[in-house]
Amino acid sequence: MINSNPPADIILHKKSKILELVYANGQVYRFSAEFLRVHSPSAETKGHGKPVLQTGKQDVALLSVEPVGHYGVKLVFNDRHETGIYTWHYFLELGTQHDQLWQAYLQELNRQGAPRDPNTSQVKWVNPITAPNT
């Protein structure tokens, strides 16, 4: 069973855009702001049962970490996203499944032809010479 105790320390590294959670047992999890943003527990991301792929979040940064009771925090991102409570249990899920979640996210972006870079959009090129007449 996953332990859902709060971390002993939470460190926001603004320059590197990393949130670090340090636990009393020595376990340390480091999350990029992009990873946390695309895995937000908010309804916007979870889509009320149908997840909504978050695109263009490569440059997102964390502005603040705000406590919510004794069970988690609210993260405030520079793209104005600040909904969804990251519980201690959810952080541990993200930490223990980080690599699988990140790879699945990258694969889904690729499958949908969606960018991580907010300054990039993909345009489907149709050659007018070889395209069928419509």
Protein backbone atom coordinates (compact mmCIF):
# COMPACT_ATOMS: atom_id res chain seq x y z
CA MET A 1 0.00 0.00 0.00
CA ILE A 2 1.23 3.47 -0.86
CA ASN A 3 2.04 5.62 2.13
CA SER A 4 0.20 8.93 1.92
CA ASN A 5 2.10 10.80 4.63
CA PRO A 6 3.10 14.34 3.76
CA PRO A 7 6.66 14.97 2.68
CA ALA A 8 9.09 16.32 5.27
CA ASP A 9 10.10 19.07 2.86
CA ILE A 10 8.79 20.62 -0.35
CA ILE A 11 11.23 22.65 -2.42
CA LEU A 12 10.21 24.69 -5.45
CA HIS A 13 13.21 25.23 -7.72
CA LYS A 14 11.87 28.09 -9.83
CA LYS A 15 14.86 28.40 -12.15
CA SER A 16 14.88 24.72 -13.14
CA LYS A 17 11.07 24.46 -12.89
CA ILE A 18 11.32 21.44 -10.58
CA LEU A 19 9.21 20.62 -7.54
CA GLU A 20 11.07 18.40 -5.11
CA LEU A 21 9.37 16.38 -2.38
CA VAL A 22 11.62 14.95 0.32
CA TYR A 23 10.22 12.30 2.66
CA ALA A 24 11.36 11.41 6.17
CA ASN A 25 12.38 7.91 4.98
CA GLY A 26 14.86 9.47 2.52
CA GLN A 27 12.69 9.05 -0.57
CA VAL A 28 12.91 12.02 -2.92
CA TYR A 29 10.66 12.74 -5.90
CA ARG A 30 11.44 15.45 -8.43
CA PHE A 31 8.76 16.58 -10.84
CA SER A 32 9.06 19.02 -13.70
CA ALA A 33 6.39 21.71 -13.84
CA GLU A 34 5.38 20.35 -17.25
CA PHE A 35 4.87 16.85 -15.85
CA LEU A 36 2.77 18.16 -12.97
CA ARG A 37 0.74 20.41 -15.26
CA VAL A 38 -0.13 17.69 -17.76
CA HIS A 39 -1.00 15.31 -14.91
CA SER A 40 -3.07 17.80 -12.97
CA PRO A 41 -5.86 16.18 -10.96
CA SER A 42 -8.24 18.94 -12.07
CA ALA A 43 -11.48 18.36 -13.93
CA GLU A 44 -10.01 20.35 -16.84
CA THR A 45 -7.34 17.68 -17.30
CA LYS A 46 -9.23 14.62 -16.15
CA GLY A 47 -12.16 15.64 -18.33
CA HIS A 48 -14.93 14.29 -16.08
CA GLY A 49 -13.98 10.72 -16.96
CA LYS A 50 -12.58 11.45 -20.42
CA PRO A 51 -9.01 12.77 -20.07
CA VAL A 52 -8.15 15.89 -22.06
CA LEU A 53 -4.65 15.83 -23.55
CA GLN A 54 -2.71 18.88 -22.40
CA THR A 55 -0.54 20.29 -25.18
CA GLY A 56 1.99 23.08 -25.44
CA LYS A 57 3.02 22.89 -21.78
CA GLN A 58 6.78 22.46 -22.27
CA ASP A 59 7.60 25.95 -20.97
CA VAL A 60 5.08 26.08 -18.13
CA ALA A 61 6.44 27.05 -14.71
CA LEU A 62 5.20 26.81 -11.15
CA LEU A 63 4.57 30.12 -9.43
CA SER A 64 3.60 28.82 -6.01
CA VAL A 65 2.72 25.85 -3.84
CA GLU A 66 -0.16 26.49 -1.44
CA PRO A 67 -1.14 24.11 1.39
CA VAL A 68 -4.64 22.64 1.39
CA GLY A 69 -5.50 21.29 4.82
CA HIS A 70 -3.27 18.44 5.93
CA TYR A 71 -3.77 16.34 2.82
CA GLY A 72 -2.15 18.15 -0.09
CA VAL A 73 -1.33 21.32 -1.97
CA LYS A 74 -2.65 23.53 -4.73
CA LEU A 75 -0.11 24.31 -7.43
CA VAL A 76 -0.29 27.61 -9.26
CA PHE A 77 1.16 27.58 -12.78
CA ASN A 78 2.12 30.52 -14.97
CA ASP A 79 -0.47 29.53 -17.58
CA ARG A 80 -3.12 30.50 -14.99
CA HIS A 81 -3.96 26.89 -14.14
CA GLU A 82 -4.54 26.51 -10.41
CA THR A 83 -7.37 24.02 -10.02
CA GLY A 84 -7.03 20.51 -8.75
CA ILE A 85 -5.60 19.46 -5.43
CA TYR A 86 -2.45 17.38 -5.46
CA THR A 87 -2.92 15.09 -2.46
CA TRP A 88 0.02 13.38 -0.80
CA HIS A 89 -1.32 10.08 -2.09
CA TYR A 90 -1.49 11.45 -5.66
CA PHE A 91 2.10 12.72 -5.45
CA LEU A 92 3.25 9.25 -4.43
CA GLU A 93 1.34 7.72 -7.36
CA LEU A 94 2.98 10.22 -9.70
CA GLY A 95 6.39 9.50 -8.21
CA THR A 96 6.17 5.72 -8.36
CA GLN A 97 4.70 5.74 -11.89
CA HIS A 98 6.62 8.75 -13.25
CA ASP A 99 8.45 7.06 -16.11
CA GLN A 100 5.40 5.13 -17.36
CA LEU A 101 3.15 8.20 -17.14
CA TRP A 102 5.67 10.39 -18.95
CA GLN A 103 6.19 7.87 -21.76
CA ALA A 104 2.42 7.40 -22.16
CA TYR A 105 2.01 11.19 -22.37
CA LEU A 106 4.72 11.53 -25.03
CA GLN A 107 3.23 8.65 -27.01
CA GLU A 108 -0.22 10.23 -26.91
CA LEU A 109 1.16 13.57 -28.07
CA ASN A 110 2.86 11.77 -30.94
CA ARG A 111 -0.26 9.77 -31.78
CA GLN A 112 -2.35 12.94 -31.96
CA GLY A 113 0.36 14.97 -33.69
CA ALA A 114 0.23 17.47 -30.83
CA PRO A 115 3.18 19.63 -29.71
CA ARG A 116 4.84 19.98 -26.31
CA ASP A 117 6.23 23.34 -27.40
CA PRO A 118 3.62 26.10 -27.02
CA ASN A 119 5.19 27.99 -29.93
CA THR A 120 4.77 25.11 -32.35
CA SER A 121 1.74 23.97 -34.21
CA GLN A 122 1.67 21.20 -36.72
CA VAL A 123 0.25 21.94 -40.13
CA LYS A 124 -0.70 19.16 -42.47
CA TRP A 125 0.83 19.89 -45.82
CA VAL A 126 -1.23 18.98 -48.84
CA ASN A 127 0.59 19.20 -52.15
CA PRO A 128 -1.84 20.94 -54.52
CA ILE A 129 -0.33 19.15 -57.50
CA THR A 130 -0.86 15.63 -56.18
CA ALA A 131 -3.93 16.26 -54.00
CA PRO A 132 -7.18 14.85 -55.34
CA ASN A 133 -9.64 17.38 -56.71
CA THR A 134 -12.46 18.25 -54.37
